[in-house]
Amino acid sequence: MMLSWQQAAVLSAGLGVVGGTLRVSRSPRVRAVAAFVTESCIVAVLFTIWQLAAKLSLVSTDDAIGRARWIERLERTLHLPNERTVQNLILGHAKVVQAANLYYAIMHFTIMFVFLLWLFLRYRDRYSAVRTTLAMATLSCLVIQFVPVAPPRLLGRYVDTALAYGQSVYSGNFADELSAMPSVHVMWAVLIGWYVWRISPSRWRWIGPLHAVVTIFVVVATGNHWWMDGIVGVLVLIVCAWLRVGIVAAWKRLTAGRSGAIPAPAEEPEPAAV
């Protein structure tokens, strides 16, 4: 989180070179390390784009505030719960507010790292599909974020809970604060919740969906996102998940047609219920 986009880009390049070098080895152990380094490179590239999007999204503060007010009006038209009402549930409880701020700041990357590591080590056959969906959805969200949208806490009627308790993660970088739409926090959490529940046979798999529910509540209660930010993030995830399935199916038909082989059965369209 402390890396600039330039530093993250250098890290991505370094991981790419190391991963590519290790992949030529004939040692199974070295190739396993190479696979892990390559996946780390993909994560670093996405983080680089994320940081760059935050820097370049600052087109106009007034435009960002204006879009936020338009979203607020749309939500009232759709009769979605008022974000300030959700904030009022915790504002009178200092420890709860501080815990919500910490969850927003820390658990986003931490849980995703644990999830990807768990998937890579325990369910390697499912890793590639999930990682590709994650990368496509994250990249799509970052592209959308080049159009700045202010979060509720930058409007006067909402509380910036992290600022109130000295827990802000933005360090005065106002550009970072205008990347509210869509919510990558919510998109990642829903992806984790869905795939943990779908893949794991463990009785503890409910932790995945619980993380999604807590994240959705926290991003609203802390004033960091509108409901619509999360809704759009989930819609992006669904589209990207189905798009990946379609690309895989089309590629199988194409390669089968060239080789004259019988096409393999289409991949199960599991993202339908994301």
Protein backbone atom coordinates (compact mmCIF):
# COMPACT_ATOMS: atom_id res chain seq x y z
CA MET A 1 0.00 0.00 0.00
CA MET A 2 2.95 2.32 0.55
CA LEU A 3 4.36 1.89 -2.96
CA SER A 4 3.92 4.62 -5.58
CA TRP A 5 2.82 3.57 -9.04
CA GLN A 6 6.41 4.03 -10.28
CA GLN A 7 7.77 1.76 -7.53
CA ALA A 8 5.02 -0.78 -8.18
CA ALA A 9 5.88 -0.72 -11.90
CA VAL A 10 9.53 -1.45 -11.14
CA LEU A 11 8.47 -4.27 -8.81
CA SER A 12 6.21 -5.68 -11.55
CA ALA A 13 9.05 -5.62 -14.08
CA GLY A 14 11.42 -7.27 -11.62
CA LEU A 15 8.93 -10.02 -10.77
CA GLY A 16 8.27 -10.56 -14.47
CA VAL A 17 11.96 -10.99 -15.25
CA VAL A 18 12.54 -13.31 -12.29
CA GLY A 19 9.45 -15.37 -13.07
CA GLY A 20 10.38 -15.71 -16.74
CA THR A 21 13.94 -16.72 -15.86
CA LEU A 22 12.86 -19.36 -13.37
CA ARG A 23 10.32 -20.89 -15.76
CA VAL A 24 13.08 -22.22 -18.04
CA SER A 25 14.36 -24.45 -15.26
CA ARG A 26 13.67 -28.18 -15.42
CA SER A 27 13.42 -28.47 -11.65
CA PRO A 28 9.78 -28.94 -10.52
CA ARG A 29 10.46 -26.95 -7.35
CA VAL A 30 11.98 -24.03 -9.24
CA ARG A 31 9.09 -24.03 -11.72
CA ALA A 32 6.65 -24.00 -8.80
CA VAL A 33 8.43 -20.93 -7.44
CA ALA A 34 8.32 -19.41 -10.94
CA ALA A 35 4.55 -19.86 -11.06
CA PHE A 36 4.17 -18.11 -7.71
CA VAL A 37 6.43 -15.23 -8.80
CA THR A 38 4.47 -14.87 -12.06
CA GLU A 39 1.19 -14.63 -10.17
CA SER A 40 2.76 -12.04 -7.87
CA CYS A 41 3.75 -10.09 -10.98
CA ILE A 42 0.13 -10.01 -12.16
CA VAL A 43 -0.98 -8.67 -8.77
CA ALA A 44 1.77 -6.03 -8.87
CA VAL A 45 0.73 -4.92 -12.36
CA LEU A 46 -2.88 -4.47 -11.22
CA PHE A 47 -1.68 -2.50 -8.20
CA THR A 48 0.40 -0.29 -10.50
CA ILE A 49 -2.65 0.48 -12.64
CA TRP A 50 -4.67 1.14 -9.50
CA GLN A 51 -2.17 3.68 -8.21
CA LEU A 52 -1.88 5.29 -11.64
CA ALA A 53 -5.67 5.56 -11.97
CA ALA A 54 -5.80 7.33 -8.61
CA LYS A 55 -3.18 9.84 -9.75
CA LEU A 56 -4.78 10.57 -13.11
CA SER A 57 -8.45 10.56 -12.09
CA LEU A 58 -8.29 14.09 -10.68
CA VAL A 59 -9.89 15.82 -13.67
CA SER A 60 -12.00 18.26 -11.70
CA THR A 61 -13.00 18.36 -8.05
CA ASP A 62 -16.27 20.05 -8.94
CA ASP A 63 -17.07 17.34 -11.50
CA ALA A 64 -16.37 14.61 -8.94
CA ILE A 65 -18.60 16.24 -6.33
CA GLY A 66 -21.29 16.80 -8.96
CA ARG A 67 -21.28 13.13 -9.94
CA ALA A 68 -21.50 12.15 -6.28
CA ARG A 69 -24.55 14.35 -5.80
CA TRP A 70 -26.14 12.82 -8.91
CA ILE A 71 -25.57 9.33 -7.45
CA GLU A 72 -27.10 10.48 -4.17
CA ARG A 73 -30.23 11.68 -5.97
CA LEU A 74 -30.43 8.44 -7.97
CA GLU A 75 -30.25 6.37 -4.80
CA ARG A 76 -33.06 8.35 -3.20
CA THR A 77 -35.13 7.83 -6.36
CA LEU A 78 -34.46 4.08 -6.11
CA HIS A 79 -35.33 4.18 -2.37
CA LEU A 80 -31.97 2.79 -1.32
CA PRO A 81 -31.10 3.26 2.38
CA ASN A 82 -29.47 6.57 3.19
CA GLU A 83 -25.72 6.16 3.84
CA ARG A 84 -25.93 8.58 6.77
CA THR A 85 -28.55 6.35 8.39
CA VAL A 86 -26.08 3.46 8.22
CA GLN A 87 -23.37 5.68 9.70
CA ASN A 88 -25.64 6.60 12.60
CA LEU A 89 -25.67 2.92 13.62
CA ILE A 90 -22.02 3.15 14.71
CA LEU A 91 -21.22 6.84 15.26
CA GLY A 92 -22.09 6.68 18.95
CA HIS A 93 -19.67 3.81 19.55
CA ALA A 94 -16.03 4.90 19.27
CA LYS A 95 -14.52 1.41 19.40
CA VAL A 96 -16.86 0.15 16.70
CA VAL A 97 -16.03 3.12 14.46
CA GLN A 98 -12.30 2.57 14.92
CA ALA A 99 -12.70 -1.14 14.18
CA ALA A 100 -14.64 -0.31 11.01
CA ASN A 101 -11.90 2.10 9.92
CA LEU A 102 -9.24 -0.59 10.49
CA TYR A 103 -11.25 -3.19 8.61
CA TYR A 104 -11.55 -0.84 5.63
CA ALA A 105 -7.84 -0.01 5.68
CA ILE A 106 -6.31 -3.41 6.39
CA MET A 107 -8.58 -6.30 5.44
CA HIS A 108 -9.07 -5.37 1.78
CA PHE A 109 -5.59 -6.44 0.64
CA THR A 110 -4.95 -8.86 3.51
CA ILE A 111 -7.96 -11.08 2.86
CA MET A 112 -7.36 -11.04 -0.90
CA PHE A 113 -3.75 -12.13 -0.38
CA VAL A 114 -4.82 -14.95 1.95
CA PHE A 115 -7.58 -16.00 -0.47
CA LEU A 116 -5.27 -16.16 -3.49
CA LEU A 117 -2.59 -18.01 -1.51
CA TRP A 118 -5.17 -20.51 -0.22
CA LEU A 119 -6.55 -21.02 -3.72
CA PHE A 120 -3.08 -21.38 -5.25
CA LEU A 121 -1.92 -23.95 -2.69
CA ARG A 122 -5.12 -25.91 -2.06
CA TYR A 123 -7.17 -25.68 -5.25
CA ARG A 124 -4.63 -25.05 -7.99
CA ASP A 125 -6.98 -26.38 -10.68
CA ARG A 126 -9.45 -23.57 -9.90
CA TYR A 127 -6.85 -20.85 -9.43
CA SER A 128 -6.37 -19.81 -13.05
CA ALA A 129 -10.06 -19.22 -13.75
CA VAL A 130 -10.62 -17.24 -10.54
CA ARG A 131 -7.45 -15.19 -11.01
CA THR A 132 -8.39 -14.32 -14.59
CA THR A 133 -11.87 -13.22 -13.53
CA LEU A 134 -10.33 -11.15 -10.72
CA ALA A 135 -7.83 -9.51 -13.06
CA MET A 136 -10.46 -8.69 -15.70
CA ALA A 137 -12.90 -7.26 -13.16
CA THR A 138 -10.22 -5.25 -11.33
CA LEU A 139 -8.84 -3.81 -14.54
CA SER A 140 -12.37 -2.88 -15.68
CA CYS A 141 -13.05 -1.11 -12.38
CA LEU A 142 -9.76 0.79 -12.60
CA VAL A 143 -10.56 1.98 -16.12
CA ILE A 144 -13.94 3.28 -14.92
CA GLN A 145 -12.23 5.02 -12.01
CA PHE A 146 -10.41 7.31 -14.41
CA VAL A 147 -13.69 9.26 -14.25
CA PRO A 148 -13.56 10.77 -10.73
CA VAL A 149 -16.45 10.35 -8.32
CA ALA A 150 -16.36 11.64 -4.75
CA PRO A 151 -17.28 9.35 -1.83
CA PRO A 152 -20.03 10.37 0.62
CA ARG A 153 -17.53 11.54 3.27
CA LEU A 154 -16.46 14.43 1.03
CA LEU A 155 -20.00 15.79 1.04
CA GLY A 156 -21.12 17.83 4.03
CA ARG A 157 -23.93 15.59 5.21
CA TYR A 158 -21.73 12.56 5.89
CA VAL A 159 -18.97 11.84 8.40
CA ASP A 160 -15.39 10.97 7.47
CA THR A 161 -14.95 8.47 10.28
CA ALA A 162 -11.29 7.71 9.50
CA LEU A 163 -10.38 11.40 9.54
CA ALA A 164 -12.28 11.91 12.78
CA TYR A 165 -10.17 9.26 14.52
CA GLY A 166 -6.86 9.91 12.78
CA GLN A 167 -7.03 6.65 10.81
CA SER A 168 -7.20 7.95 7.24
CA VAL A 169 -5.22 5.93 4.69
CA TYR A 170 -5.12 8.67 2.08
CA SER A 171 -2.32 10.79 3.59
CA GLY A 172 -3.57 13.99 2.06
CA ASN A 173 -3.59 12.61 -1.51
CA PHE A 174 -6.94 14.00 -2.64
CA ALA A 175 -6.78 12.27 -6.01
CA ASP A 176 -6.95 8.86 -4.32
CA GLU A 177 -10.19 9.88 -2.65
CA LEU A 178 -12.02 10.38 -5.96
CA SER A 179 -11.84 6.74 -7.07
CA ALA A 180 -15.05 5.71 -5.33
CA MET A 181 -16.95 4.40 -8.37
CA PRO A 182 -17.04 1.44 -8.69
CA SER A 183 -16.04 -0.03 -5.35
CA VAL A 184 -13.13 -2.45 -5.74
CA HIS A 185 -13.51 -3.16 -2.01
CA VAL A 186 -16.99 -4.56 -2.57
CA MET A 187 -16.14 -6.28 -5.84
CA TRP A 188 -13.18 -8.13 -4.31
CA ALA A 189 -15.14 -9.07 -1.19
CA VAL A 190 -18.06 -10.48 -3.20
CA LEU A 191 -15.68 -12.43 -5.43
CA ILE A 192 -13.96 -13.91 -2.36
CA GLY A 193 -17.27 -14.70 -0.69
CA TRP A 194 -18.69 -16.42 -3.75
CA TYR A 195 -15.68 -18.55 -4.63
CA VAL A 196 -14.85 -19.56 -1.06
CA TRP A 197 -18.44 -20.75 -0.63
CA ARG A 198 -18.45 -22.43 -4.03
CA ILE A 199 -15.05 -24.13 -3.87
CA SER A 200 -14.39 -25.01 -0.25
CA PRO A 201 -16.07 -28.09 1.30
CA SER A 202 -15.10 -26.90 4.78
CA ARG A 203 -17.69 -26.04 7.41
CA TRP A 204 -15.77 -22.73 7.79
CA ARG A 205 -16.55 -21.59 4.26
CA TRP A 206 -19.19 -19.19 5.60
CA ILE A 207 -16.28 -16.89 6.51
CA GLY A 208 -16.04 -15.89 2.83
CA PRO A 209 -19.63 -14.59 2.52
CA LEU A 210 -19.34 -13.04 5.99
CA HIS A 211 -16.33 -11.02 4.80
CA ALA A 212 -18.41 -9.76 1.87
CA VAL A 213 -21.28 -8.69 4.15
CA VAL A 214 -18.96 -6.97 6.64
CA THR A 215 -17.09 -5.18 3.84
CA ILE A 216 -20.30 -3.84 2.30
CA PHE A 217 -21.42 -2.52 5.68
CA VAL A 218 -18.02 -1.05 6.53
CA VAL A 219 -17.47 0.85 3.28
CA VAL A 220 -20.86 2.53 3.70
CA ALA A 221 -20.67 3.11 7.46
CA THR A 222 -17.25 4.78 7.15
CA GLY A 223 -18.49 7.08 4.39
CA ASN A 224 -16.09 5.68 1.80
CA HIS A 225 -18.64 4.44 -0.74
CA TRP A 226 -22.16 4.89 -2.02
CA TRP A 227 -24.43 1.87 -2.36
CA MET A 228 -24.22 2.37 -6.12
CA ASP A 229 -20.43 2.04 -6.01
CA GLY A 230 -20.83 -1.48 -4.70
CA ILE A 231 -23.70 -2.35 -7.03
CA VAL A 232 -21.71 -1.29 -10.09
CA GLY A 233 -18.65 -3.17 -8.80
CA VAL A 234 -20.66 -6.40 -8.52
CA LEU A 235 -22.18 -5.87 -11.98
CA VAL A 236 -18.67 -5.48 -13.41
CA LEU A 237 -17.67 -8.73 -11.70
CA ILE A 238 -20.64 -10.62 -13.16
CA VAL A 239 -19.98 -9.32 -16.68
CA CYS A 240 -16.27 -10.18 -16.49
CA ALA A 241 -16.96 -13.64 -15.05
CA TRP A 242 -19.35 -14.48 -17.86
CA LEU A 243 -17.05 -12.91 -20.43
CA ARG A 244 -14.21 -15.14 -19.29
CA VAL A 245 -16.42 -18.22 -19.66
CA GLY A 246 -17.41 -17.09 -23.15
CA ILE A 247 -13.81 -16.47 -24.20
CA VAL A 248 -12.73 -19.89 -22.92
CA ALA A 249 -15.59 -21.62 -24.74
CA ALA A 250 -14.86 -19.75 -27.98
CA TRP A 251 -11.16 -20.60 -27.74
CA LYS A 252 -11.95 -24.29 -27.24
CA ARG A 253 -14.23 -24.30 -30.30
CA LEU A 254 -11.57 -22.50 -32.35
CA THR A 255 -8.74 -24.84 -31.40
CA ALA A 256 -10.96 -27.91 -31.79
CA GLY A 257 -11.97 -26.75 -35.26
CA ARG A 258 -8.36 -26.31 -36.34
CA SER A 259 -7.31 -29.73 -35.02
CA GLY A 260 -10.43 -31.54 -36.12
CA ALA A 261 -10.96 -32.83 -32.59
CA ILE A 262 -14.31 -33.08 -30.85
CA PRO A 263 -14.84 -29.88 -28.82
CA ALA A 264 -14.57 -30.31 -25.07
CA PRO A 265 -17.71 -29.72 -23.03
CA ALA A 266 -18.33 -26.06 -22.30
CA GLU A 267 -17.10 -24.84 -18.95
CA GLU A 268 -19.72 -24.69 -16.28
CA PRO A 269 -21.06 -21.11 -16.23
CA GLU A 270 -20.61 -20.77 -12.48
CA PRO A 271 -20.40 -16.96 -12.44
CA ALA A 272 -24.16 -16.77 -13.11
CA ALA A 273 -24.92 -16.56 -9.42
CA VAL A 274 -22.08 -14.18 -8.46
